[in-house]
Protein backbone atom coordinates (compact mmCIF):
# COMPACT_ATOMS: atom_id res chain seq x y z
CA MET A 1 17.38 -6.19 15.44
CA PRO A 2 20.27 -4.63 12.99
CA SER A 3 23.59 -6.64 15.37
CA GLN A 4 22.46 -10.06 14.07
CA LEU A 5 22.42 -9.17 10.56
CA PRO A 6 25.55 -9.22 8.10
CA VAL A 7 26.41 -5.97 6.13
CA SER A 8 25.50 -8.44 2.96
CA HIS A 9 22.22 -9.35 4.61
CA LEU A 10 21.72 -5.72 5.65
CA SER A 11 22.38 -4.74 1.58
CA VAL A 12 19.97 -7.17 0.50
CA ILE A 13 16.77 -5.75 2.62
CA TRP A 14 18.12 -2.02 1.64
CA LEU A 15 18.32 -2.19 -2.18
CA GLY A 16 14.57 -4.70 -1.88
CA VAL A 17 12.89 -1.52 0.08
CA ALA A 18 14.63 0.83 -1.68
CA LEU A 19 13.04 -0.61 -5.46
CA SER A 20 9.79 -0.85 -3.11
CA TYR A 21 9.36 2.63 -2.84
CA VAL A 22 10.18 3.65 -5.98
CA VAL A 23 7.02 1.55 -7.02
CA PHE A 24 5.69 3.60 -3.75
CA GLY A 25 6.60 6.80 -5.49
CA ILE A 26 4.80 5.75 -8.54
CA ALA A 27 1.71 5.40 -7.49
CA GLY A 28 1.25 5.55 -4.16
CA PHE A 29 1.33 2.36 -2.42
CA GLY A 30 2.91 -1.38 -3.91
CA THR A 31 5.49 -1.30 -0.72
CA ALA A 32 4.35 -5.08 0.79
CA LEU A 33 4.71 -6.57 -2.83
CA ILE A 34 8.33 -6.43 -3.61
CA ALA A 35 9.71 -5.52 0.48
CA SER A 36 7.72 -8.27 2.49
CA PRO A 37 9.25 -11.24 1.05
CA VAL A 38 13.01 -10.27 0.92
CA LEU A 39 11.84 -8.94 4.52
CA ALA A 40 10.84 -12.69 4.78
CA GLN A 41 14.36 -14.02 4.13
CA PHE A 42 16.05 -12.09 7.33
CA MET A 43 13.67 -11.42 9.92
CA PRO A 44 9.59 -12.78 11.72
CA VAL A 45 7.07 -11.72 9.89
CA SER A 46 5.97 -10.26 13.38
CA HIS A 47 8.71 -7.60 13.07
CA ILE A 48 7.22 -7.30 8.65
CA VAL A 49 4.08 -5.30 9.45
CA PRO A 50 5.21 -2.41 12.08
CA LEU A 51 8.35 -1.92 10.24
CA LEU A 52 6.24 -1.48 6.74
CA ALA A 53 3.85 0.54 8.74
CA LEU A 54 7.03 3.50 9.93
CA LEU A 55 8.34 3.68 6.66
CA ASP A 56 5.12 3.78 4.96
CA PHE A 57 3.43 6.83 7.24
CA PHE A 58 6.45 8.69 6.90
CA ALA A 59 7.12 8.09 3.32
CA ALA A 60 3.36 9.49 3.26
CA ILE A 61 4.67 12.63 4.78
CA THR A 62 7.47 12.89 2.42
CA ASN A 63 4.62 13.16 -0.13
CA LEU A 64 2.14 15.12 1.46
CA MET A 65 4.62 17.51 2.63
CA ARG A 66 5.13 18.04 -1.61
CA ASP A 67 2.57 17.02 -3.40
CA GLY A 68 -0.24 17.38 -1.04
CA SER A 69 -2.56 20.78 -2.57
CA LYS A 70 -2.70 17.92 -5.43
CA ALA A 71 -5.27 15.46 -3.36
CA GLU A 72 -8.64 15.40 -4.62
CA ILE A 73 -10.49 16.17 -1.31
CA SER A 74 -13.71 15.98 -2.51
CA GLU A 75 -12.97 12.04 -2.98
CA LEU A 76 -10.83 12.27 0.29
CA LYS A 77 -13.84 13.26 2.75
CA ARG A 78 -16.22 10.45 0.92
CA LEU A 79 -13.44 7.53 1.21
CA VAL A 80 -11.21 8.59 4.69
CA PRO A 81 -15.09 8.17 6.89
CA LEU A 82 -15.66 4.21 5.22
CA MET A 83 -11.83 3.67 5.48
CA LEU A 84 -12.42 3.93 9.37
CA LEU A 85 -15.54 1.83 9.41
CA GLY A 86 -13.74 -0.63 7.51
CA SER A 87 -10.52 -0.79 9.35
CA GLY A 88 -12.75 -1.74 12.49
CA ALA A 89 -14.98 -3.86 10.91
CA GLY A 90 -11.72 -6.05 9.47
CA ALA A 91 -10.74 -6.05 13.42
CA LEU A 92 -13.58 -7.47 14.20
CA ILE A 93 -13.42 -10.21 11.72
CA LEU A 94 -9.69 -11.02 12.31
CA LEU A 95 -10.58 -11.13 15.80
CA TYR A 96 -13.99 -13.72 16.03
CA THR A 97 -13.12 -15.27 12.72
CA LYS A 98 -11.28 -16.60 9.91
CA PRO A 99 -10.41 -14.21 6.71
CA ASP A 100 -8.05 -16.14 4.46
CA ILE A 101 -10.79 -16.84 2.19
CA LEU A 102 -11.53 -13.42 2.11
CA LEU A 103 -8.01 -13.28 0.41
CA LEU A 104 -9.13 -16.06 -2.12
CA LEU A 105 -12.08 -13.80 -3.12
CA LEU A 106 -10.20 -11.07 -3.43
CA GLY A 107 -6.95 -11.68 -5.05
CA VAL A 108 -9.83 -13.73 -8.30
CA PHE A 109 -11.02 -10.22 -8.34
CA VAL A 110 -8.47 -7.97 -8.37
CA ILE A 111 -6.60 -10.02 -11.02
CA GLY A 112 -9.80 -10.44 -13.34
CA TYR A 113 -9.85 -6.01 -12.69
CA SER A 114 -6.54 -5.15 -13.69
CA MET A 115 -6.57 -8.49 -16.77
CA TYR A 116 -9.92 -5.82 -17.95
CA ALA A 117 -8.36 -2.89 -17.37
CA LEU A 118 -4.53 -4.14 -19.21
CA SER A 119 -6.80 -5.46 -21.92
CA GLY A 120 -6.57 -1.49 -23.07
CA TYR A 121 -10.69 -1.89 -23.13
CA LYS A 122 -12.30 1.14 -22.26
CA PRO A 123 -15.62 2.01 -20.52
CA ALA A 124 -18.59 4.31 -21.94
CA THR A 125 -18.77 6.27 -17.94
CA ARG A 126 -17.26 6.46 -14.75
CA PHE A 127 -17.15 4.81 -11.42
CA PRO A 128 -20.05 6.42 -9.77
CA ALA A 129 -19.15 8.09 -6.59
CA SER A 130 -21.66 5.55 -4.24
CA LEU A 131 -18.86 2.81 -5.00
CA SER A 132 -16.66 4.77 -2.95
CA VAL A 133 -18.98 2.96 -0.10
CA PRO A 134 -18.16 -0.43 -1.05
CA PHE A 135 -13.69 0.38 -2.21
CA GLY A 136 -14.08 2.38 1.30
CA LEU A 137 -15.40 0.02 3.22
CA VAL A 138 -13.53 -3.49 1.57
CA GLY A 139 -10.05 -1.50 1.25
CA GLY A 140 -10.43 -0.56 4.77
CA VAL A 141 -11.31 -4.05 6.26
CA PHE A 142 -8.67 -5.58 3.96
CA SER A 143 -5.70 -2.60 5.51
CA ALA A 144 -7.07 -4.41 9.27
CA LEU A 145 -6.64 -8.02 8.34
CA PHE A 146 -3.23 -7.95 5.46
CA GLY A 147 -2.33 -4.90 5.27
CA SER A 148 -2.82 -4.39 2.34
CA GLY A 149 -5.64 -2.26 1.17
CA GLY A 150 -3.57 0.04 -1.13
CA PHE A 151 -4.80 -1.18 -4.67
CA ILE A 152 -8.75 -0.68 -3.67
CA TYR A 153 -8.52 2.09 -3.48
CA ALA A 154 -6.52 3.17 -6.88
CA ILE A 155 -8.88 0.71 -8.78
CA TYR A 156 -11.62 3.08 -7.63
CA LEU A 157 -9.42 6.56 -7.97
CA GLN A 158 -8.00 5.69 -11.53
CA SER A 159 -11.81 5.76 -12.55
CA ARG A 160 -12.82 8.72 -10.70
CA LEU A 161 -9.79 10.98 -11.41
CA GLU A 162 -8.19 12.64 -14.47
CA SER A 163 -5.52 13.39 -13.21
CA LYS A 164 -2.30 10.81 -13.17
CA GLU A 165 -0.90 13.63 -10.05
CA ARG A 166 -4.26 13.56 -8.67
CA ILE A 167 -4.62 9.42 -8.35
CA ARG A 168 -1.03 9.46 -7.23
CA VAL A 169 -1.41 12.30 -3.98
CA THR A 170 -5.10 11.00 -3.38
CA GLN A 171 -4.04 7.06 -2.81
CA THR A 172 -0.27 8.48 -0.84
CA THR A 173 -2.53 10.85 1.39
CA LEU A 174 -5.35 7.21 1.79
CA ILE A 175 -1.80 5.34 2.40
CA GLY A 176 -0.77 7.32 5.13
CA LEU A 177 -4.16 7.73 7.29
CA SER A 178 -4.24 4.22 7.20
CA THR A 179 -0.56 3.64 8.33
CA LEU A 180 -0.92 6.01 10.95
CA THR A 181 -4.04 3.86 12.67
CA ARG A 182 -2.13 0.89 12.33
CA LEU A 183 1.26 2.65 13.92
CA LEU A 184 -0.51 3.98 16.90
CA ILE A 185 -2.47 0.42 17.17
CA PHE A 186 1.54 -0.77 17.26
CA LEU A 187 3.14 2.04 19.59
CA VAL A 188 -0.21 1.33 22.05
CA ALA A 189 1.26 -2.45 21.79
CA GLY A 190 5.11 -1.82 23.20
CA VAL A 191 5.87 -2.56 19.47
CA TYR A 192 8.19 0.23 19.25
CA ALA A 193 9.94 -0.35 22.38
CA ASP A 194 11.68 -2.67 20.29
CA ILE A 195 15.26 -0.05 20.33
CA GLY A 196 16.73 -2.53 17.05
CA MET A 197 13.77 -2.78 15.38
CA LEU A 198 13.40 1.28 14.93
CA THR A 199 17.63 0.80 14.07
CA LEU A 200 16.85 -1.12 11.05
CA ALA A 201 13.83 0.91 10.18
CA ALA A 202 16.40 4.78 10.59
CA LEU A 203 18.92 2.54 8.66
CA LEU A 204 16.73 1.75 5.88
CA ALA A 205 15.41 5.06 5.51
CA PRO A 206 17.93 6.57 3.62
CA GLY A 207 16.64 3.95 1.17
CA MET A 208 12.81 4.47 1.29
CA PHE A 209 13.56 8.34 0.89
CA ALA A 210 16.08 7.79 -2.24
CA GLY A 211 13.62 5.47 -3.49
CA VAL A 212 10.03 7.65 -3.29
CA TRP A 213 11.89 10.51 -4.32
CA LEU A 214 13.04 8.36 -8.11
CA GLY A 215 9.91 7.02 -8.24
CA ARG A 216 7.82 10.36 -8.34
CA HIS A 217 10.38 11.92 -10.80
CA ILE A 218 9.45 8.48 -12.87
CA ALA A 219 5.78 9.08 -12.35
CA LEU A 220 6.41 13.12 -13.85
CA LYS A 221 7.65 11.93 -16.81
CA LEU A 222 4.98 9.30 -18.03
CA SER A 223 2.22 10.11 -19.38
CA ARG A 224 -1.34 9.11 -18.10
CA GLU A 225 -1.50 6.16 -19.78
CA GLN A 226 1.37 4.77 -19.49
CA PHE A 227 1.06 5.64 -15.51
CA LEU A 228 -2.28 3.69 -15.08
CA ARG A 229 -0.65 1.01 -17.64
CA LEU A 230 1.69 0.55 -14.65
CA VAL A 231 -0.59 0.82 -11.65
CA ASN A 232 -2.70 -1.58 -12.88
CA MET A 233 0.38 -3.98 -13.88
CA VAL A 234 1.13 -3.43 -9.81
CA ILE A 235 -2.34 -4.39 -9.04
CA PHE A 236 -2.05 -7.66 -10.89
CA VAL A 237 0.75 -8.35 -9.12
CA SER A 238 -0.89 -8.02 -5.70
CA GLY A 239 -3.82 -10.65 -7.43
CA ILE A 240 -1.47 -13.07 -7.32
CA PHE A 241 -0.21 -12.37 -4.00
CA LEU A 242 -3.02 -12.49 -2.39
CA LEU A 243 -3.57 -16.00 -4.18
CA ILE A 244 0.17 -17.32 -3.43
CA ARG A 245 -0.44 -16.22 0.44
CA TYR A 246 -4.48 -18.16 0.37
CA PHE A 247 -2.45 -21.53 -0.85
CA ALA A 248 0.32 -21.04 1.15
CA SER A 249 -1.57 -20.99 3.94
């Protein structure tokens, strides 16, 4: 695959991926928002999801090796089993139904929530732990269906955790575990037998690591309010992309 792309195209791809991982380093999710539209200009869509799954997994591992002790274990214990269950349900929905209407419904919800969050209104109470059930399940479903469930977990975690570092690292851990599932599926399916894809991933890896490093250092300098505002802006853009994807399909 890299041998078929001119240097100018590879440069644009590299910069797009690096920028997407700055967002990942800050918020713990969101690479597909920036990277997918760039990659789609130069390669088949069928190659984008496995390529980003590979890079996301190693980006998550990088963050966890550095900050893993800051993850909120109690929330992970609630969310991970539900995420796995939701992923299984998402796979069944994908096999037996047309899930496009879910894009519309989720897009409207996500945009509405992010506008509410960005309005500055402060709710009197934080989310109860019982809401881990719908958020964990729905996040798993959308991870399986569309490879993008991170913003669902972000909505839940920012209303549960006070520390921006715990939000970011817990989010990263969830993305890593979710991506591992897709990674194993692609591996069993033989997708990673494509040497061209692995070579491209290796070429993009320095941009990924640089983006994660820069994003983490930006996040460390933000206040909790600035951090949450940035995360909610990424969530808002996620909703816009969901609606674009729905109306373009």
